[in-house]
């Protein structure tokens, strides 16, 4: 069972807690002049990452194979790009890319078709990044907040991808635009 209370830093190999990672993200955002909230703010970016990762995991579950997996070749239904969608959350509008499939049979649960307003997204982002919930607890949270059932496998894939993306973002080289 995947938990996000601790993770391994891919560069140093050290165990890093999610609180430390959140503090590092906030520190780097402040150093770079990135606002916490608002368009392009840290919470907006994290929300976008969480939602898109969740949608990608749902598409993987729907099709039965991972993106770029050879098992999907000539399977009859496959990924067919994405479409842009703006969803309104408690932290403001978030522009996301929703995956599509060739048969148009994909019915996302996290952000449903024609759904424009999300409630509780900031709680999910905070839960995934700071509370260290287990996959079962996160699945229960999705059920409670959205009234949808999301499998533990899907939650596990979401958590793994989101924590990897957060770690990558936290460890990216800083470009302050200085000319030397």
C-alpha atoms as a PDB file:
ATOM      1  CA  UNK A   1       0.000   0.000   0.000  1.00  0.00           C
ATOM      2  CA  UNK A   2       1.447   3.373  -1.005  1.00  0.00           C
ATOM      3  CA  UNK A   3       1.666   6.120   1.573  1.00  0.00           C
ATOM      4  CA  UNK A   4       2.872   9.637   0.987  1.00  0.00           C
ATOM      5  CA  UNK A   5       3.891  10.554   4.534  1.00  0.00           C
ATOM      6  CA  UNK A   6       7.489   9.911   3.473  1.00  0.00           C
ATOM      7  CA  UNK A   7       9.164   9.588   0.109  1.00  0.00           C
ATOM      8  CA  UNK A   8      12.682   9.116  -1.187  1.00  0.00           C
ATOM      9  CA  UNK A   9      14.402  12.123  -2.726  1.00  0.00           C
ATOM     10  CA  UNK A  10      15.481  10.927  -6.203  1.00  0.00           C
ATOM     11  CA  UNK A  11      18.641  13.054  -6.124  1.00  0.00           C
ATOM     12  CA  UNK A  12      19.992  12.470  -2.612  1.00  0.00           C
ATOM     13  CA  UNK A  13      18.268   9.189  -1.773  1.00  0.00           C
ATOM     14  CA  UNK A  14      17.252  10.667   1.579  1.00  0.00           C
ATOM     15  CA  UNK A  15      13.811  10.095   3.035  1.00  0.00           C
ATOM     16  CA  UNK A  16      11.818  13.312   2.847  1.00  0.00           C
ATOM     17  CA  UNK A  17       8.518  13.910   4.627  1.00  0.00           C
ATOM     18  CA  UNK A  18       5.616  15.543   2.816  1.00  0.00           C
ATOM     19  CA  UNK A  19       5.697  18.420   5.294  1.00  0.00           C
ATOM     20  CA  UNK A  20       9.340  19.043   4.395  1.00  0.00           C
ATOM     21  CA  UNK A  21       8.447  18.843   0.706  1.00  0.00           C
ATOM     22  CA  UNK A  22       5.568  21.307   1.167  1.00  0.00           C
ATOM     23  CA  UNK A  23       7.901  23.672   3.056  1.00  0.00           C
ATOM     24  CA  UNK A  24      10.479  23.352   0.269  1.00  0.00           C
ATOM     25  CA  UNK A  25       7.835  24.099  -2.372  1.00  0.00           C
ATOM     26  CA  UNK A  26       6.661  27.161  -0.458  1.00  0.00           C
ATOM     27  CA  UNK A  27      10.234  28.375   0.082  1.00  0.00           C
ATOM     28  CA  UNK A  28      11.078  27.984  -3.623  1.00  0.00           C
ATOM     29  CA  UNK A  29       7.830  29.652  -4.682  1.00  0.00           C
ATOM     30  CA  UNK A  30       8.638  32.605  -2.427  1.00  0.00           C
ATOM     31  CA  UNK A  31      12.223  32.819  -3.766  1.00  0.00           C
ATOM     32  CA  UNK A  32      10.914  32.840  -7.337  1.00  0.00           C
ATOM     33  CA  UNK A  33       8.132  35.299  -6.633  1.00  0.00           C
ATOM     34  CA  UNK A  34       5.396  32.711  -7.262  1.00  0.00           C
ATOM     35  CA  UNK A  35       2.216  33.549  -5.385  1.00  0.00           C
ATOM     36  CA  UNK A  36       0.556  30.893  -3.235  1.00  0.00           C
ATOM     37  CA  UNK A  37      -2.905  31.523  -4.705  1.00  0.00           C
ATOM     38  CA  UNK A  38      -4.283  33.026  -7.897  1.00  0.00           C
ATOM     39  CA  UNK A  39      -3.721  32.197 -11.560  1.00  0.00           C
ATOM     40  CA  UNK A  40      -0.336  30.555 -11.943  1.00  0.00           C
ATOM     41  CA  UNK A  41       0.025  30.335  -8.162  1.00  0.00           C
ATOM     42  CA  UNK A  42       1.445  27.325  -6.358  1.00  0.00           C
ATOM     43  CA  UNK A  43      -1.957  25.942  -5.279  1.00  0.00           C
ATOM     44  CA  UNK A  44      -3.318  26.416  -8.804  1.00  0.00           C
ATOM     45  CA  UNK A  45      -0.376  24.479 -10.261  1.00  0.00           C
ATOM     46  CA  UNK A  46      -0.663  21.703  -7.673  1.00  0.00           C
ATOM     47  CA  UNK A  47      -4.410  21.436  -8.275  1.00  0.00           C
ATOM     48  CA  UNK A  48      -3.827  21.220 -12.036  1.00  0.00           C
ATOM     49  CA  UNK A  49      -1.199  18.509 -11.502  1.00  0.00           C
ATOM     50  CA  UNK A  50      -3.417  16.495  -9.162  1.00  0.00           C
ATOM     51  CA  UNK A  51      -6.475  16.691 -11.438  1.00  0.00           C
ATOM     52  CA  UNK A  52      -4.572  15.856 -14.636  1.00  0.00           C
ATOM     53  CA  UNK A  53      -2.739  13.004 -12.920  1.00  0.00           C
ATOM     54  CA  UNK A  54      -6.046  11.650 -11.625  1.00  0.00           C
ATOM     55  CA  UNK A  55      -7.608  11.888 -15.084  1.00  0.00           C
ATOM     56  CA  UNK A  56      -4.605  10.136 -16.666  1.00  0.00           C
ATOM     57  CA  UNK A  57      -4.843   7.364 -14.061  1.00  0.00           C
ATOM     58  CA  UNK A  58      -8.571   7.012 -14.773  1.00  0.00           C
ATOM     59  CA  UNK A  59      -7.841   6.745 -18.509  1.00  0.00           C
ATOM     60  CA  UNK A  60      -5.220   4.054 -17.812  1.00  0.00           C
ATOM     61  CA  UNK A  61      -7.766   2.130 -15.760  1.00  0.00           C
ATOM     62  CA  UNK A  62     -10.415   2.606 -18.481  1.00  0.00           C
ATOM     63  CA  UNK A  63      -8.164   1.351 -21.290  1.00  0.00           C
ATOM     64  CA  UNK A  64      -6.363  -1.297 -19.241  1.00  0.00           C
ATOM     65  CA  UNK A  65      -2.823  -0.219 -20.112  1.00  0.00           C
ATOM     66  CA  UNK A  66      -0.393   2.615 -19.347  1.00  0.00           C
ATOM     67  CA  UNK A  67       0.403   5.453 -21.698  1.00  0.00           C
ATOM     68  CA  UNK A  68       2.923   4.370 -24.372  1.00  0.00           C
ATOM     69  CA  UNK A  69       2.539   0.702 -23.326  1.00  0.00           C
ATOM     70  CA  UNK A  70       2.946  -1.596 -26.355  1.00  0.00           C
ATOM     71  CA  UNK A  71       0.013  -3.630 -25.009  1.00  0.00           C
ATOM     72  CA  UNK A  72      -2.263  -0.849 -26.232  1.00  0.00           C
ATOM     73  CA  UNK A  73      -1.270  -1.137 -29.891  1.00  0.00           C
ATOM     74  CA  UNK A  74      -4.139  -2.341 -32.050  1.00  0.00           C
ATOM     75  CA  UNK A  75      -6.293  -2.773 -28.938  1.00  0.00           C
ATOM     76  CA  UNK A  76      -9.317  -1.144 -30.559  1.00  0.00           C
ATOM     77  CA  UNK A  77      -9.520   1.831 -28.228  1.00  0.00           C
ATOM     78  CA  UNK A  78      -6.618   4.098 -27.392  1.00  0.00           C
ATOM     79  CA  UNK A  79      -5.719   7.553 -26.156  1.00  0.00           C
ATOM     80  CA  UNK A  80      -6.653  10.348 -28.532  1.00  0.00           C
ATOM     81  CA  UNK A  81      -5.012  13.463 -27.165  1.00  0.00           C
ATOM     82  CA  UNK A  82      -6.579  15.877 -24.720  1.00  0.00           C
ATOM     83  CA  UNK A  83      -8.974  18.774 -24.646  1.00  0.00           C
ATOM     84  CA  UNK A  84      -8.646  21.926 -22.590  1.00  0.00           C
ATOM     85  CA  UNK A  85     -11.190  22.593 -19.873  1.00  0.00           C
ATOM     86  CA  UNK A  86     -11.447  25.257 -17.208  1.00  0.00           C
ATOM     87  CA  UNK A  87     -12.855  24.131 -13.872  1.00  0.00           C
ATOM     88  CA  UNK A  88     -13.749  26.474 -11.047  1.00  0.00           C
ATOM     89  CA  UNK A  89     -12.441  25.524  -7.616  1.00  0.00           C
ATOM     90  CA  UNK A  90     -12.357  27.234  -4.238  1.00  0.00           C
ATOM     91  CA  UNK A  91      -8.928  28.569  -5.211  1.00  0.00           C
ATOM     92  CA  UNK A  92     -10.174  29.969  -8.533  1.00  0.00           C
ATOM     93  CA  UNK A  93     -10.228  28.777 -12.141  1.00  0.00           C
ATOM     94  CA  UNK A  94      -7.855  25.960 -13.078  1.00  0.00           C
ATOM     95  CA  UNK A  95      -7.117  25.133 -16.719  1.00  0.00           C
ATOM     96  CA  UNK A  96      -6.704  21.371 -17.176  1.00  0.00           C
ATOM     97  CA  UNK A  97      -6.127  18.978 -20.061  1.00  0.00           C
ATOM     98  CA  UNK A  98      -8.696  16.157 -20.112  1.00  0.00           C
ATOM     99  CA  UNK A  99      -7.613  12.955 -21.912  1.00  0.00           C
ATOM    100  CA  UNK A 100      -9.781  11.531 -24.710  1.00  0.00           C
ATOM    101  CA  UNK A 101     -10.070   8.065 -26.223  1.00  0.00           C
ATOM    102  CA  UNK A 102     -10.793   7.089 -29.820  1.00  0.00           C
ATOM    103  CA  UNK A 103     -14.157   5.488 -28.997  1.00  0.00           C
ATOM    104  CA  UNK A 104     -15.273   8.442 -26.835  1.00  0.00           C
ATOM    105  CA  UNK A 105     -16.244   5.908 -24.163  1.00  0.00           C
ATOM    106  CA  UNK A 106     -14.097   7.415 -21.391  1.00  0.00           C
ATOM    107  CA  UNK A 107     -16.325   8.717 -18.585  1.00  0.00           C
ATOM    108  CA  UNK A 108     -14.053  10.469 -16.070  1.00  0.00           C
ATOM    109  CA  UNK A 109     -15.188  10.458 -12.440  1.00  0.00           C
ATOM    110  CA  UNK A 110     -12.862  13.005 -10.833  1.00  0.00           C
ATOM    111  CA  UNK A 111     -13.903  15.756 -13.257  1.00  0.00           C
ATOM    112  CA  UNK A 112     -17.007  14.507 -15.026  1.00  0.00           C
ATOM    113  CA  UNK A 113     -18.005  15.446 -18.552  1.00  0.00           C
ATOM    114  CA  UNK A 114     -19.693  18.856 -18.633  1.00  0.00           C
ATOM    115  CA  UNK A 115     -18.724  19.472 -14.992  1.00  0.00           C
ATOM    116  CA  UNK A 116     -17.319  22.966 -14.510  1.00  0.00           C
ATOM    117  CA  UNK A 117     -17.464  23.478 -10.759  1.00  0.00           C
ATOM    118  CA  UNK A 118     -15.411  21.429  -8.307  1.00  0.00           C
ATOM    119  CA  UNK A 119     -15.743  21.621  -4.573  1.00  0.00           C
ATOM    120  CA  UNK A 120     -13.258  20.218  -2.118  1.00  0.00           C
ATOM    121  CA  UNK A 121     -10.331  20.192  -4.578  1.00  0.00           C
ATOM    122  CA  UNK A 122      -8.146  22.209  -2.242  1.00  0.00           C
ATOM    123  CA  UNK A 123      -8.782  19.619   0.489  1.00  0.00           C
ATOM    124  CA  UNK A 124      -7.661  16.867  -1.885  1.00  0.00           C
ATOM    125  CA  UNK A 125      -4.508  18.767  -2.811  1.00  0.00           C
ATOM    126  CA  UNK A 126      -3.706  19.381   0.841  1.00  0.00           C
ATOM    127  CA  UNK A 127      -4.548  15.776   1.710  1.00  0.00           C
ATOM    128  CA  UNK A 128      -2.268  14.424  -1.009  1.00  0.00           C
ATOM    129  CA  UNK A 129       0.600  16.760  -0.212  1.00  0.00           C
ATOM    130  CA  UNK A 130       0.531  17.282   3.531  1.00  0.00           C
ATOM    131  CA  UNK A 131      -1.546  14.764   5.451  1.00  0.00           C
ATOM    132  CA  UNK A 132       0.116  11.529   4.392  1.00  0.00           C
ATOM    133  CA  UNK A 133      -3.147   9.644   3.865  1.00  0.00           C
ATOM    134  CA  UNK A 134      -3.112   6.026   2.755  1.00  0.00           C
ATOM    135  CA  UNK A 135      -4.654   5.023  -0.564  1.00  0.00           C
ATOM    136  CA  UNK A 136      -7.736   3.750   1.243  1.00  0.00           C
ATOM    137  CA  UNK A 137      -8.138   7.018   3.108  1.00  0.00           C
ATOM    138  CA  UNK A 138      -7.699   9.021  -0.089  1.00  0.00           C
ATOM    139  CA  UNK A 139     -10.252   6.813  -1.883  1.00  0.00           C
ATOM    140  CA  UNK A 140     -12.654   7.409   1.006  1.00  0.00           C
ATOM    141  CA  UNK A 141     -11.983  11.139   0.740  1.00  0.00           C
ATOM    142  CA  UNK A 142     -12.841  11.128  -2.988  1.00  0.00           C
ATOM    143  CA  UNK A 143     -16.024   9.202  -2.212  1.00  0.00           C
ATOM    144  CA  UNK A 144     -16.974  11.632   0.550  1.00  0.00           C
ATOM    145  CA  UNK A 145     -16.149  14.823  -1.359  1.00  0.00           C
ATOM    146  CA  UNK A 146     -17.247  13.859  -4.878  1.00  0.00           C
ATOM    147  CA  UNK A 147     -19.568  10.945  -4.255  1.00  0.00           C
ATOM    148  CA  UNK A 148     -17.565   8.781  -6.680  1.00  0.00           C
ATOM    149  CA  UNK A 149     -15.784   5.488  -6.209  1.00  0.00           C
ATOM    150  CA  UNK A 150     -12.119   5.495  -7.173  1.00  0.00           C
ATOM    151  CA  UNK A 151     -10.168   2.253  -6.809  1.00  0.00           C
ATOM    152  CA  UNK A 152      -7.147   1.975  -4.523  1.00  0.00           C
ATOM    153  CA  UNK A 153      -5.029   1.085  -7.591  1.00  0.00           C
ATOM    154  CA  UNK A 154      -6.041   4.342  -9.264  1.00  0.00           C
ATOM    155  CA  UNK A 155      -5.305   6.266  -6.068  1.00  0.00           C
ATOM    156  CA  UNK A 156      -1.927   4.550  -5.809  1.00  0.00           C
ATOM    157  CA  UNK A 157      -1.041   5.552  -9.389  1.00  0.00           C
ATOM    158  CA  UNK A 158      -2.190   9.124  -8.714  1.00  0.00           C
ATOM    159  CA  UNK A 159      -0.151   9.373  -5.519  1.00  0.00           C
ATOM    160  CA  UNK A 160       2.968   7.910  -7.143  1.00  0.00           C
ATOM    161  CA  UNK A 161       2.776  10.274 -10.118  1.00  0.00           C
ATOM    162  CA  UNK A 162       1.900  13.382  -8.106  1.00  0.00           C
ATOM    163  CA  UNK A 163       4.675  12.866  -5.564  1.00  0.00           C
ATOM    164  CA  UNK A 164       7.170  12.237  -8.364  1.00  0.00           C
ATOM    165  CA  UNK A 165       6.052  15.413 -10.154  1.00  0.00           C
ATOM    166  CA  UNK A 166       6.191  17.430  -6.931  1.00  0.00           C
ATOM    167  CA  UNK A 167       9.685  16.124  -6.195  1.00  0.00           C
ATOM    168  CA  UNK A 168      10.763  16.906  -9.759  1.00  0.00           C
ATOM    169  CA  UNK A 169       9.343  20.431  -9.465  1.00  0.00           C
ATOM    170  CA  UNK A 170      11.033  20.961  -6.091  1.00  0.00           C
ATOM    171  CA  UNK A 171      14.401  19.756  -7.456  1.00  0.00           C
ATOM    172  CA  UNK A 172      14.308  21.615 -10.774  1.00  0.00           C
ATOM    173  CA  UNK A 173      17.144  24.047 -11.529  1.00  0.00           C
ATOM    174  CA  UNK A 174      16.316  27.597 -10.629  1.00  0.00           C
ATOM    175  CA  UNK A 175      16.470  30.101 -13.471  1.00  0.00           C
ATOM    176  CA  UNK A 176      16.285  33.549 -12.020  1.00  0.00           C
ATOM    177  CA  UNK A 177      16.867  35.211 -15.370  1.00  0.00           C
ATOM    178  CA  UNK A 178      20.134  36.738 -14.215  1.00  0.00           C
ATOM    179  CA  UNK A 179      22.655  37.685 -16.879  1.00  0.00           C
ATOM    180  CA  UNK A 180      26.247  37.303 -15.802  1.00  0.00           C
END
